[in-house]
């Protein structure tokens, strides 16, 4: 919380496997997309 403040992470599970470009958590700051990441979990099949 000290570095990130009172933000909220929204995680979703798709019903079907996602194309690579749709996987991961979209990180935005003031509405601008800066990265989409699985934060080290990319090799997990169910990611």
ModelCIF file with pLDDT and N, C-alpha, C, O atoms, coordinates in Angstrom:
data_MODEL
#
_entry.id   MODEL 
#
_entity.id                         1 
_entity.type                       polymer 
_entity.pdbx_number_of_molecules   1 
#
_entity_poly.entity_id                      1 
_entity_poly.type                           'polypeptide(L)' 
_entity_poly.nstd_linkage                   no 
_entity_poly.nstd_monomer                   no 
_entity_poly.pdbx_seq_one_letter_code       
;(UNK)(UNK)(UNK)(UNK)(UNK)(UNK)(UNK)(UNK)(UNK)(UNK)(UNK)(UNK)(UNK)(UNK)(UNK)(UNK)
(UNK)(UNK)(UNK)(UNK)(UNK)(UNK)(UNK)(UNK)(UNK)(UNK)(UNK)(UNK)(UNK)(UNK)(UNK)(UNK)
(UNK)(UNK)(UNK)(UNK)(UNK)(UNK)(UNK)(UNK)(UNK)(UNK)(UNK)(UNK)(UNK)(UNK)(UNK)
;
_entity_poly.pdbx_seq_one_letter_code_can   XXXXXXXXXXXXXXXXXXXXXXXXXXXXXXXXXXXXXXXXXXXXXXX 
_entity_poly.pdbx_strand_id                 A 
#
loop_
_entity_poly_seq.entity_id 
_entity_poly_seq.num 
_entity_poly_seq.mon_id 
_entity_poly_seq.hetero 
1 1  UNK n 
1 2  UNK n 
1 3  UNK n 
1 4  UNK n 
1 5  UNK n 
1 6  UNK n 
1 7  UNK n 
1 8  UNK n 
1 9  UNK n 
1 10 UNK n 
1 11 UNK n 
1 12 UNK n 
1 13 UNK n 
1 14 UNK n 
1 15 UNK n 
1 16 UNK n 
1 17 UNK n 
1 18 UNK n 
1 19 UNK n 
1 20 UNK n 
1 21 UNK n 
1 22 UNK n 
1 23 UNK n 
1 24 UNK n 
1 25 UNK n 
1 26 UNK n 
1 27 UNK n 
1 28 UNK n 
1 29 UNK n 
1 30 UNK n 
1 31 UNK n 
1 32 UNK n 
1 33 UNK n 
1 34 UNK n 
1 35 UNK n 
1 36 UNK n 
1 37 UNK n 
1 38 UNK n 
1 39 UNK n 
1 40 UNK n 
1 41 UNK n 
1 42 UNK n 
1 43 UNK n 
1 44 UNK n 
1 45 UNK n 
1 46 UNK n 
1 47 UNK n 
#
_struct_asym.id          A 
_struct_asym.entity_id   1 
#
loop_
_ma_qa_metric.id 
_ma_qa_metric.mode 
_ma_qa_metric.name 
_ma_qa_metric.software_group_id 
_ma_qa_metric.type 
1 global pLDDT . pLDDT 
2 local  pLDDT . pLDDT 
#
_ma_qa_metric_global.metric_id      1 
_ma_qa_metric_global.metric_value   91.79 
_ma_qa_metric_global.model_id       1 
_ma_qa_metric_global.ordinal_id     1 
#
loop_
_ma_qa_metric_local.label_asym_id 
_ma_qa_metric_local.label_comp_id 
_ma_qa_metric_local.label_seq_id 
_ma_qa_metric_local.metric_id 
_ma_qa_metric_local.metric_value 
_ma_qa_metric_local.model_id 
_ma_qa_metric_local.ordinal_id 
A UNK 1  2 92.00 1 1  
A UNK 2  2 89.00 1 2  
A UNK 3  2 89.00 1 3  
A UNK 4  2 92.00 1 4  
A UNK 5  2 90.00 1 5  
A UNK 6  2 89.00 1 6  
A UNK 7  2 94.00 1 7  
A UNK 8  2 96.00 1 8  
A UNK 9  2 97.00 1 9  
A UNK 10 2 97.00 1 10 
A UNK 11 2 97.00 1 11 
A UNK 12 2 97.00 1 12 
A UNK 13 2 97.00 1 13 
A UNK 14 2 95.00 1 14 
A UNK 15 2 92.00 1 15 
A UNK 16 2 91.00 1 16 
A UNK 17 2 92.00 1 17 
A UNK 18 2 92.00 1 18 
A UNK 19 2 88.00 1 19 
A UNK 20 2 84.00 1 20 
A UNK 21 2 82.00 1 21 
A UNK 22 2 89.00 1 22 
A UNK 23 2 92.00 1 23 
A UNK 24 2 95.00 1 24 
A UNK 25 2 95.00 1 25 
A UNK 26 2 94.00 1 26 
A UNK 27 2 94.00 1 27 
A UNK 28 2 92.00 1 28 
A UNK 29 2 91.00 1 29 
A UNK 30 2 87.00 1 30 
A UNK 31 2 84.00 1 31 
A UNK 32 2 84.00 1 32 
A UNK 33 2 87.00 1 33 
A UNK 34 2 89.00 1 34 
A UNK 35 2 91.00 1 35 
A UNK 36 2 92.00 1 36 
A UNK 37 2 95.00 1 37 
A UNK 38 2 95.00 1 38 
A UNK 39 2 93.00 1 39 
A UNK 40 2 93.00 1 40 
A UNK 41 2 94.00 1 41 
A UNK 42 2 93.00 1 42 
A UNK 43 2 91.00 1 43 
A UNK 44 2 92.00 1 44 
A UNK 45 2 91.00 1 45 
A UNK 46 2 94.00 1 46 
A UNK 47 2 95.00 1 47 
#
loop_
_atom_site.group_PDB 
_atom_site.id 
_atom_site.type_symbol 
_atom_site.label_atom_id 
_atom_site.label_alt_id 
_atom_site.label_comp_id 
_atom_site.label_asym_id 
_atom_site.label_entity_id 
_atom_site.label_seq_id 
_atom_site.pdbx_PDB_ins_code 
_atom_site.Cartn_x 
_atom_site.Cartn_y 
_atom_site.Cartn_z 
_atom_site.occupancy 
_atom_site.B_iso_or_equiv 
_atom_site.pdbx_formal_charge 
_atom_site.auth_seq_id 
_atom_site.auth_comp_id 
_atom_site.auth_asym_id 
_atom_site.auth_atom_id 
_atom_site.pdbx_PDB_model_num 
ATOM 1   N N  . UNK A 1 1  ? 0.817   -1.213  0.000   1.00 92.00 ? 1  UNK A N  1 
ATOM 2   C CA . UNK A 1 1  ? 0.000   0.000   0.000   1.00 92.00 ? 1  UNK A CA 1 
ATOM 3   C C  . UNK A 1 1  ? 0.853   1.266   0.000   1.00 92.00 ? 1  UNK A C  1 
ATOM 4   O O  . UNK A 1 1  ? 0.455   2.277   -0.579  1.00 92.00 ? 1  UNK A O  1 
ATOM 5   N N  . UNK A 1 2  ? 2.012   1.224   0.637   1.00 89.00 ? 2  UNK A N  1 
ATOM 6   C CA . UNK A 1 2  ? 2.849   2.406   0.714   1.00 89.00 ? 2  UNK A CA 1 
ATOM 7   C C  . UNK A 1 2  ? 3.281   2.925   -0.648  1.00 89.00 ? 2  UNK A C  1 
ATOM 8   O O  . UNK A 1 2  ? 3.367   4.134   -0.859  1.00 89.00 ? 2  UNK A O  1 
ATOM 9   N N  . UNK A 1 3  ? 3.553   2.008   -1.574  1.00 89.00 ? 3  UNK A N  1 
ATOM 10  C CA . UNK A 1 3  ? 3.993   2.416   -2.902  1.00 89.00 ? 3  UNK A CA 1 
ATOM 11  C C  . UNK A 1 3  ? 2.831   2.577   -3.880  1.00 89.00 ? 3  UNK A C  1 
ATOM 12  O O  . UNK A 1 3  ? 2.894   3.406   -4.788  1.00 89.00 ? 3  UNK A O  1 
ATOM 13  N N  . UNK A 1 4  ? 1.779   1.791   -3.700  1.00 92.00 ? 4  UNK A N  1 
ATOM 14  C CA . UNK A 1 4  ? 0.714   1.761   -4.698  1.00 92.00 ? 4  UNK A CA 1 
ATOM 15  C C  . UNK A 1 4  ? -0.526  2.548   -4.299  1.00 92.00 ? 4  UNK A C  1 
ATOM 16  O O  . UNK A 1 4  ? -1.345  2.880   -5.155  1.00 92.00 ? 4  UNK A O  1 
ATOM 17  N N  . UNK A 1 5  ? -0.676  2.848   -3.030  1.00 90.00 ? 5  UNK A N  1 
ATOM 18  C CA . UNK A 1 5  ? -1.863  3.569   -2.596  1.00 90.00 ? 5  UNK A CA 1 
ATOM 19  C C  . UNK A 1 5  ? -3.083  2.664   -2.517  1.00 90.00 ? 5  UNK A C  1 
ATOM 20  O O  . UNK A 1 5  ? -2.949  1.444   -2.421  1.00 90.00 ? 5  UNK A O  1 
ATOM 21  N N  . UNK A 1 6  ? -4.264  3.251   -2.557  1.00 89.00 ? 6  UNK A N  1 
ATOM 22  C CA . UNK A 1 6  ? -5.491  2.475   -2.377  1.00 89.00 ? 6  UNK A CA 1 
ATOM 23  C C  . UNK A 1 6  ? -6.082  1.972   -3.681  1.00 89.00 ? 6  UNK A C  1 
ATOM 24  O O  . UNK A 1 6  ? -7.286  2.113   -3.900  1.00 89.00 ? 6  UNK A O  1 
ATOM 25  N N  . UNK A 1 7  ? -5.276  1.394   -4.546  1.00 94.00 ? 7  UNK A N  1 
ATOM 26  C CA . UNK A 1 7  ? -5.771  0.897   -5.834  1.00 94.00 ? 7  UNK A CA 1 
ATOM 27  C C  . UNK A 1 7  ? -6.323  -0.519  -5.682  1.00 94.00 ? 7  UNK A C  1 
ATOM 28  O O  . UNK A 1 7  ? -6.218  -1.134  -4.621  1.00 94.00 ? 7  UNK A O  1 
ATOM 29  N N  . UNK A 1 8  ? -6.908  -1.018  -6.759  1.00 96.00 ? 8  UNK A N  1 
ATOM 30  C CA . UNK A 1 8  ? -7.569  -2.323  -6.720  1.00 96.00 ? 8  UNK A CA 1 
ATOM 31  C C  . UNK A 1 8  ? -7.210  -3.123  -7.962  1.00 96.00 ? 8  UNK A C  1 
ATOM 32  O O  . UNK A 1 8  ? -7.273  -2.616  -9.082  1.00 96.00 ? 8  UNK A O  1 
ATOM 33  N N  . UNK A 1 9  ? -6.834  -4.370  -7.753  1.00 97.00 ? 9  UNK A N  1 
ATOM 34  C CA . UNK A 1 9  ? -6.514  -5.285  -8.853  1.00 97.00 ? 9  UNK A CA 1 
ATOM 35  C C  . UNK A 1 9  ? -7.750  -6.109  -9.189  1.00 97.00 ? 9  UNK A C  1 
ATOM 36  O O  . UNK A 1 9  ? -8.343  -6.737  -8.312  1.00 97.00 ? 9  UNK A O  1 
ATOM 37  N N  . UNK A 1 10 ? -8.136  -6.104  -10.462 1.00 97.00 ? 10 UNK A N  1 
ATOM 38  C CA . UNK A 1 10 ? -9.273  -6.897  -10.922 1.00 97.00 ? 10 UNK A CA 1 
ATOM 39  C C  . UNK A 1 10 ? -8.741  -8.070  -11.740 1.00 97.00 ? 10 UNK A C  1 
ATOM 40  O O  . UNK A 1 10 ? -8.112  -7.877  -12.780 1.00 97.00 ? 10 UNK A O  1 
ATOM 41  N N  . UNK A 1 11 ? -8.998  -9.284  -11.263 1.00 97.00 ? 11 UNK A N  1 
ATOM 42  C CA . UNK A 1 11 ? -8.589  -10.497 -11.967 1.00 97.00 ? 11 UNK A CA 1 
ATOM 43  C C  . UNK A 1 11 ? -9.821  -11.178 -12.555 1.00 97.00 ? 11 UNK A C  1 
ATOM 44  O O  . UNK A 1 11 ? -10.863 -11.271 -11.906 1.00 97.00 ? 11 UNK A O  1 
ATOM 45  N N  . UNK A 1 12 ? -9.688  -11.651 -13.791 1.00 97.00 ? 12 UNK A N  1 
ATOM 46  C CA . UNK A 1 12 ? -10.788 -12.341 -14.457 1.00 97.00 ? 12 UNK A CA 1 
ATOM 47  C C  . UNK A 1 12 ? -10.285 -13.649 -15.053 1.00 97.00 ? 12 UNK A C  1 
ATOM 48  O O  . UNK A 1 12 ? -9.128  -13.764 -15.458 1.00 97.00 ? 12 UNK A O  1 
ATOM 49  N N  . UNK A 1 13 ? -11.176 -14.624 -15.098 1.00 97.00 ? 13 UNK A N  1 
ATOM 50  C CA . UNK A 1 13 ? -10.858 -15.918 -15.704 1.00 97.00 ? 13 UNK A CA 1 
ATOM 51  C C  . UNK A 1 13 ? -11.762 -16.098 -16.913 1.00 97.00 ? 13 UNK A C  1 
ATOM 52  O O  . UNK A 1 13 ? -12.985 -16.153 -16.779 1.00 97.00 ? 13 UNK A O  1 
ATOM 53  N N  . UNK A 1 14 ? -11.163 -16.190 -18.088 1.00 95.00 ? 14 UNK A N  1 
ATOM 54  C CA . UNK A 1 14 ? -11.935 -16.361 -19.315 1.00 95.00 ? 14 UNK A CA 1 
ATOM 55  C C  . UNK A 1 14 ? -12.484 -17.771 -19.412 1.00 95.00 ? 14 UNK A C  1 
ATOM 56  O O  . UNK A 1 14 ? -11.912 -18.717 -18.871 1.00 95.00 ? 14 UNK A O  1 
ATOM 57  N N  . UNK A 1 15 ? -13.597 -17.895 -20.105 1.00 92.00 ? 15 UNK A N  1 
ATOM 58  C CA . UNK A 1 15 ? -14.189 -19.223 -20.280 1.00 92.00 ? 15 UNK A CA 1 
ATOM 59  C C  . UNK A 1 15 ? -13.446 -20.047 -21.317 1.00 92.00 ? 15 UNK A C  1 
ATOM 60  O O  . UNK A 1 15 ? -13.507 -21.276 -21.301 1.00 92.00 ? 15 UNK A O  1 
ATOM 61  N N  . UNK A 1 16 ? -12.744 -19.370 -22.221 1.00 91.00 ? 16 UNK A N  1 
ATOM 62  C CA . UNK A 1 16 ? -11.966 -20.048 -23.256 1.00 91.00 ? 16 UNK A CA 1 
ATOM 63  C C  . UNK A 1 16 ? -10.539 -19.532 -23.222 1.00 91.00 ? 16 UNK A C  1 
ATOM 64  O O  . UNK A 1 16 ? -10.316 -18.400 -22.794 1.00 91.00 ? 16 UNK A O  1 
ATOM 65  N N  . UNK A 1 17 ? -9.559  -20.324 -23.659 1.00 92.00 ? 17 UNK A N  1 
ATOM 66  C CA . UNK A 1 17 ? -8.179  -19.846 -23.681 1.00 92.00 ? 17 UNK A CA 1 
ATOM 67  C C  . UNK A 1 17 ? -8.055  -18.562 -24.511 1.00 92.00 ? 17 UNK A C  1 
ATOM 68  O O  . UNK A 1 17 ? -8.713  -18.405 -25.540 1.00 92.00 ? 17 UNK A O  1 
ATOM 69  N N  . UNK A 1 18 ? -7.216  -17.669 -24.052 1.00 92.00 ? 18 UNK A N  1 
ATOM 70  C CA . UNK A 1 18 ? -7.071  -16.376 -24.690 1.00 92.00 ? 18 UNK A CA 1 
ATOM 71  C C  . UNK A 1 18 ? -5.890  -16.360 -25.654 1.00 92.00 ? 18 UNK A C  1 
ATOM 72  O O  . UNK A 1 18 ? -4.887  -17.042 -25.442 1.00 92.00 ? 18 UNK A O  1 
ATOM 73  N N  . UNK A 1 19 ? -6.027  -15.571 -26.714 1.00 88.00 ? 19 UNK A N  1 
ATOM 74  C CA . UNK A 1 19 ? -4.872  -15.318 -27.563 1.00 88.00 ? 19 UNK A CA 1 
ATOM 75  C C  . UNK A 1 19 ? -3.827  -14.581 -26.751 1.00 88.00 ? 19 UNK A C  1 
ATOM 76  O O  . UNK A 1 19 ? -4.149  -13.930 -25.756 1.00 88.00 ? 19 UNK A O  1 
ATOM 77  N N  . UNK A 1 20 ? -2.577  -14.681 -27.172 1.00 84.00 ? 20 UNK A N  1 
ATOM 78  C CA . UNK A 1 20 ? -1.489  -14.126 -26.371 1.00 84.00 ? 20 UNK A CA 1 
ATOM 79  C C  . UNK A 1 20 ? -1.683  -12.646 -26.082 1.00 84.00 ? 20 UNK A C  1 
ATOM 80  O O  . UNK A 1 20 ? -1.400  -12.199 -24.971 1.00 84.00 ? 20 UNK A O  1 
ATOM 81  N N  . UNK A 1 21 ? -2.155  -11.880 -27.046 1.00 82.00 ? 21 UNK A N  1 
ATOM 82  C CA . UNK A 1 21 ? -2.318  -10.448 -26.860 1.00 82.00 ? 21 UNK A CA 1 
ATOM 83  C C  . UNK A 1 21 ? -3.409  -10.058 -25.892 1.00 82.00 ? 21 UNK A C  1 
ATOM 84  O O  . UNK A 1 21 ? -3.465  -8.905  -25.463 1.00 82.00 ? 21 UNK A O  1 
ATOM 85  N N  . UNK A 1 22 ? -4.292  -11.004 -25.528 1.00 89.00 ? 22 UNK A N  1 
ATOM 86  C CA . UNK A 1 22 ? -5.389  -10.716 -24.614 1.00 89.00 ? 22 UNK A CA 1 
ATOM 87  C C  . UNK A 1 22 ? -5.112  -11.196 -23.197 1.00 89.00 ? 22 UNK A C  1 
ATOM 88  O O  . UNK A 1 22 ? -5.862  -10.873 -22.276 1.00 89.00 ? 22 UNK A O  1 
ATOM 89  N N  . UNK A 1 23 ? -4.049  -11.960 -23.015 1.00 92.00 ? 23 UNK A N  1 
ATOM 90  C CA . UNK A 1 23 ? -3.730  -12.481 -21.688 1.00 92.00 ? 23 UNK A CA 1 
ATOM 91  C C  . UNK A 1 23 ? -3.046  -11.418 -20.838 1.00 92.00 ? 23 UNK A C  1 
ATOM 92  O O  . UNK A 1 23 ? -2.407  -10.499 -21.351 1.00 92.00 ? 23 UNK A O  1 
ATOM 93  N N  . UNK A 1 24 ? -3.196  -11.567 -19.536 1.00 95.00 ? 24 UNK A N  1 
ATOM 94  C CA . UNK A 1 24 ? -2.433  -10.726 -18.628 1.00 95.00 ? 24 UNK A CA 1 
ATOM 95  C C  . UNK A 1 24 ? -3.209  -9.556  -18.057 1.00 95.00 ? 24 UNK A C  1 
ATOM 96  O O  . UNK A 1 24 ? -4.342  -9.278  -18.452 1.00 95.00 ? 24 UNK A O  1 
ATOM 97  N N  . UNK A 1 25 ? -2.571  -8.884  -17.124 1.00 95.00 ? 25 UNK A N  1 
ATOM 98  C CA . UNK A 1 25 ? -3.168  -7.765  -16.406 1.00 95.00 ? 25 UNK A CA 1 
ATOM 99  C C  . UNK A 1 25 ? -2.726  -6.460  -17.070 1.00 95.00 ? 25 UNK A C  1 
ATOM 100 O O  . UNK A 1 25 ? -1.533  -6.182  -17.187 1.00 95.00 ? 25 UNK A O  1 
ATOM 101 N N  . UNK A 1 26 ? -3.701  -5.672  -17.499 1.00 94.00 ? 26 UNK A N  1 
ATOM 102 C CA . UNK A 1 26 ? -3.408  -4.385  -18.134 1.00 94.00 ? 26 UNK A CA 1 
ATOM 103 C C  . UNK A 1 26 ? -3.104  -3.357  -17.052 1.00 94.00 ? 26 UNK A C  1 
ATOM 104 O O  . UNK A 1 26 ? -3.948  -3.074  -16.202 1.00 94.00 ? 26 UNK A O  1 
ATOM 105 N N  . UNK A 1 27 ? -1.900  -2.799  -17.086 1.00 94.00 ? 27 UNK A N  1 
ATOM 106 C CA . UNK A 1 27 ? -1.488  -1.777  -16.122 1.00 94.00 ? 27 UNK A CA 1 
ATOM 107 C C  . UNK A 1 27 ? -1.648  -0.411  -16.779 1.00 94.00 ? 27 UNK A C  1 
ATOM 108 O O  . UNK A 1 27 ? -0.998  -0.106  -17.779 1.00 94.00 ? 27 UNK A O  1 
ATOM 109 N N  . UNK A 1 28 ? -2.516  0.396   -16.207 1.00 92.00 ? 28 UNK A N  1 
ATOM 110 C CA . UNK A 1 28 ? -2.725  1.744   -16.724 1.00 92.00 ? 28 UNK A CA 1 
ATOM 111 C C  . UNK A 1 28 ? -2.413  2.771   -15.644 1.00 92.00 ? 28 UNK A C  1 
ATOM 112 O O  . UNK A 1 28 ? -2.448  2.476   -14.449 1.00 92.00 ? 28 UNK A O  1 
ATOM 113 N N  . UNK A 1 29 ? -2.110  3.976   -16.093 1.00 91.00 ? 29 UNK A N  1 
ATOM 114 C CA . UNK A 1 29 ? -1.918  5.092   -15.176 1.00 91.00 ? 29 UNK A CA 1 
ATOM 115 C C  . UNK A 1 29 ? -2.558  6.313   -15.808 1.00 91.00 ? 29 UNK A C  1 
ATOM 116 O O  . UNK A 1 29 ? -2.124  6.787   -16.859 1.00 91.00 ? 29 UNK A O  1 
ATOM 117 N N  . UNK A 1 30 ? -3.595  6.815   -15.154 1.00 87.00 ? 30 UNK A N  1 
ATOM 118 C CA . UNK A 1 30 ? -4.395  7.930   -15.664 1.00 87.00 ? 30 UNK A CA 1 
ATOM 119 C C  . UNK A 1 30 ? -4.916  7.642   -17.073 1.00 87.00 ? 30 UNK A C  1 
ATOM 120 O O  . UNK A 1 30 ? -4.930  8.498   -17.957 1.00 87.00 ? 30 UNK A O  1 
ATOM 121 N N  . UNK A 1 31 ? -5.346  6.374   -17.231 1.00 84.00 ? 31 UNK A N  1 
ATOM 122 C CA . UNK A 1 31 ? -5.997  5.979   -18.470 1.00 84.00 ? 31 UNK A CA 1 
ATOM 123 C C  . UNK A 1 31 ? -5.083  5.535   -19.579 1.00 84.00 ? 31 UNK A C  1 
ATOM 124 O O  . UNK A 1 31 ? -5.573  5.106   -20.624 1.00 84.00 ? 31 UNK A O  1 
ATOM 125 N N  . UNK A 1 32 ? -3.764  5.616   -19.408 1.00 84.00 ? 32 UNK A N  1 
ATOM 126 C CA . UNK A 1 32 ? -2.817  5.234   -20.448 1.00 84.00 ? 32 UNK A CA 1 
ATOM 127 C C  . UNK A 1 32 ? -2.263  3.843   -20.148 1.00 84.00 ? 32 UNK A C  1 
ATOM 128 O O  . UNK A 1 32 ? -1.777  3.587   -19.047 1.00 84.00 ? 32 UNK A O  1 
ATOM 129 N N  . UNK A 1 33 ? -2.338  2.945   -21.135 1.00 87.00 ? 33 UNK A N  1 
ATOM 130 C CA . UNK A 1 33 ? -1.831  1.583   -20.968 1.00 87.00 ? 33 UNK A CA 1 
ATOM 131 C C  . UNK A 1 33 ? -0.311  1.583   -21.081 1.00 87.00 ? 33 UNK A C  1 
ATOM 132 O O  . UNK A 1 33 ? 0.246   2.125   -22.036 1.00 87.00 ? 33 UNK A O  1 
ATOM 133 N N  . UNK A 1 34 ? 0.363   0.968   -20.094 1.00 89.00 ? 34 UNK A N  1 
ATOM 134 C CA . UNK A 1 34 ? 1.821   0.934   -20.091 1.00 89.00 ? 34 UNK A CA 1 
ATOM 135 C C  . UNK A 1 34 ? 2.387   -0.483  -20.185 1.00 89.00 ? 34 UNK A C  1 
ATOM 136 O O  . UNK A 1 34 ? 3.517   -0.664  -20.640 1.00 89.00 ? 34 UNK A O  1 
ATOM 137 N N  . UNK A 1 35 ? 1.632   -1.470  -19.770 1.00 91.00 ? 35 UNK A N  1 
ATOM 138 C CA . UNK A 1 35 ? 2.122   -2.854  -19.853 1.00 91.00 ? 35 UNK A CA 1 
ATOM 139 C C  . UNK A 1 35 ? 0.961   -3.803  -19.630 1.00 91.00 ? 35 UNK A C  1 
ATOM 140 O O  . UNK A 1 35 ? -0.001  -3.481  -18.933 1.00 91.00 ? 35 UNK A O  1 
ATOM 141 N N  . UNK A 1 36 ? 1.066   -4.978  -20.232 1.00 92.00 ? 36 UNK A N  1 
ATOM 142 C CA . UNK A 1 36 ? 0.163   -6.079  -19.919 1.00 92.00 ? 36 UNK A CA 1 
ATOM 143 C C  . UNK A 1 36 ? 1.033   -7.249  -19.501 1.00 92.00 ? 36 UNK A C  1 
ATOM 144 O O  . UNK A 1 36 ? 1.898   -7.677  -20.266 1.00 92.00 ? 36 UNK A O  1 
ATOM 145 N N  . UNK A 1 37 ? 0.822   -7.775  -18.304 1.00 95.00 ? 37 UNK A N  1 
ATOM 146 C CA . UNK A 1 37 ? 1.748   -8.759  -17.763 1.00 95.00 ? 37 UNK A CA 1 
ATOM 147 C C  . UNK A 1 37 ? 1.043   -9.840  -16.958 1.00 95.00 ? 37 UNK A C  1 
ATOM 148 O O  . UNK A 1 37 ? -0.046  -9.630  -16.424 1.00 95.00 ? 37 UNK A O  1 
ATOM 149 N N  . UNK A 1 38 ? 1.678   -10.990 -16.883 1.00 95.00 ? 38 UNK A N  1 
ATOM 150 C CA . UNK A 1 38 ? 1.266   -12.053 -15.971 1.00 95.00 ? 38 UNK A CA 1 
ATOM 151 C C  . UNK A 1 38 ? 2.258   -12.176 -14.817 1.00 95.00 ? 38 UNK A C  1 
ATOM 152 O O  . UNK A 1 38 ? 2.157   -13.081 -13.989 1.00 95.00 ? 38 UNK A O  1 
ATOM 153 N N  . UNK A 1 39 ? 3.207   -11.259 -14.778 1.00 93.00 ? 39 UNK A N  1 
ATOM 154 C CA . UNK A 1 39 ? 4.118   -11.086 -13.631 1.00 93.00 ? 39 UNK A CA 1 
ATOM 155 C C  . UNK A 1 39 ? 4.823   -12.370 -13.216 1.00 93.00 ? 39 UNK A C  1 
ATOM 156 O O  . UNK A 1 39 ? 4.833   -12.729 -12.039 1.00 93.00 ? 39 UNK A O  1 
ATOM 157 N N  . UNK A 1 40 ? 5.408   -13.053 -14.184 1.00 93.00 ? 40 UNK A N  1 
ATOM 158 C CA . UNK A 1 40 ? 6.174   -14.254 -13.888 1.00 93.00 ? 40 UNK A CA 1 
ATOM 159 C C  . UNK A 1 40 ? 5.411   -15.548 -13.987 1.00 93.00 ? 40 UNK A C  1 
ATOM 160 O O  . UNK A 1 40 ? 5.995   -16.619 -13.819 1.00 93.00 ? 40 UNK A O  1 
ATOM 161 N N  . UNK A 1 41 ? 4.116   -15.483 -14.257 1.00 94.00 ? 41 UNK A N  1 
ATOM 162 C CA . UNK A 1 41 ? 3.299   -16.704 -14.344 1.00 94.00 ? 41 UNK A CA 1 
ATOM 163 C C  . UNK A 1 41 ? 3.041   -17.119 -15.793 1.00 94.00 ? 41 UNK A C  1 
ATOM 164 O O  . UNK A 1 41 ? 2.183   -17.964 -16.051 1.00 94.00 ? 41 UNK A O  1 
ATOM 165 N N  . UNK A 1 42 ? 3.778   -16.528 -16.740 1.00 93.00 ? 42 UNK A N  1 
ATOM 166 C CA . UNK A 1 42 ? 3.512   -16.773 -18.162 1.00 93.00 ? 42 UNK A CA 1 
ATOM 167 C C  . UNK A 1 42 ? 3.636   -18.239 -18.552 1.00 93.00 ? 42 UNK A C  1 
ATOM 168 O O  . UNK A 1 42 ? 2.930   -18.705 -19.447 1.00 93.00 ? 42 UNK A O  1 
ATOM 169 N N  . UNK A 1 43 ? 4.529   -18.970 -17.888 1.00 91.00 ? 43 UNK A N  1 
ATOM 170 C CA . UNK A 1 43 ? 4.762   -20.362 -18.283 1.00 91.00 ? 43 UNK A CA 1 
ATOM 171 C C  . UNK A 1 43 ? 3.713   -21.326 -17.733 1.00 91.00 ? 43 UNK A C  1 
ATOM 172 O O  . UNK A 1 43 ? 3.698   -22.496 -18.115 1.00 91.00 ? 43 UNK A O  1 
ATOM 173 N N  . UNK A 1 44 ? 2.850   -20.864 -16.856 1.00 92.00 ? 44 UNK A N  1 
ATOM 174 C CA . UNK A 1 44 ? 1.804   -21.719 -16.303 1.00 92.00 ? 44 UNK A CA 1 
ATOM 175 C C  . UNK A 1 44 ? 0.739   -21.976 -17.371 1.00 92.00 ? 44 UNK A C  1 
ATOM 176 O O  . UNK A 1 44 ? 0.209   -21.020 -17.937 1.00 92.00 ? 44 UNK A O  1 
ATOM 177 N N  . UNK A 1 45 ? 0.412   -23.230 -17.662 1.00 91.00 ? 45 UNK A N  1 
ATOM 178 C CA . UNK A 1 45 ? -0.558  -23.511 -18.727 1.00 91.00 ? 45 UNK A CA 1 
ATOM 179 C C  . UNK A 1 45 ? -1.888  -22.787 -18.555 1.00 91.00 ? 45 UNK A C  1 
ATOM 180 O O  . UNK A 1 45 ? -2.458  -22.309 -19.536 1.00 91.00 ? 45 UNK A O  1 
ATOM 181 N N  . UNK A 1 46 ? -2.385  -22.699 -17.344 1.00 94.00 ? 46 UNK A N  1 
ATOM 182 C CA . UNK A 1 46 ? -3.694  -22.084 -17.134 1.00 94.00 ? 46 UNK A CA 1 
ATOM 183 C C  . UNK A 1 46 ? -3.641  -20.559 -17.094 1.00 94.00 ? 46 UNK A C  1 
ATOM 184 O O  . UNK A 1 46 ? -4.673  -19.909 -16.928 1.00 94.00 ? 46 UNK A O  1 
ATOM 185 N N  . UNK A 1 47 ? -2.446  -19.982 -17.246 1.00 95.00 ? 47 UNK A N  1 
ATOM 186 C CA . UNK A 1 47 ? -2.359  -18.529 -17.371 1.00 95.00 ? 47 UNK A CA 1 
ATOM 187 C C  . UNK A 1 47 ? -3.006  -18.056 -18.662 1.00 95.00 ? 47 UNK A C  1 
ATOM 188 O O  . UNK A 1 47 ? -3.027  -16.856 -18.937 1.00 95.00 ? 47 UNK A O  1 
#
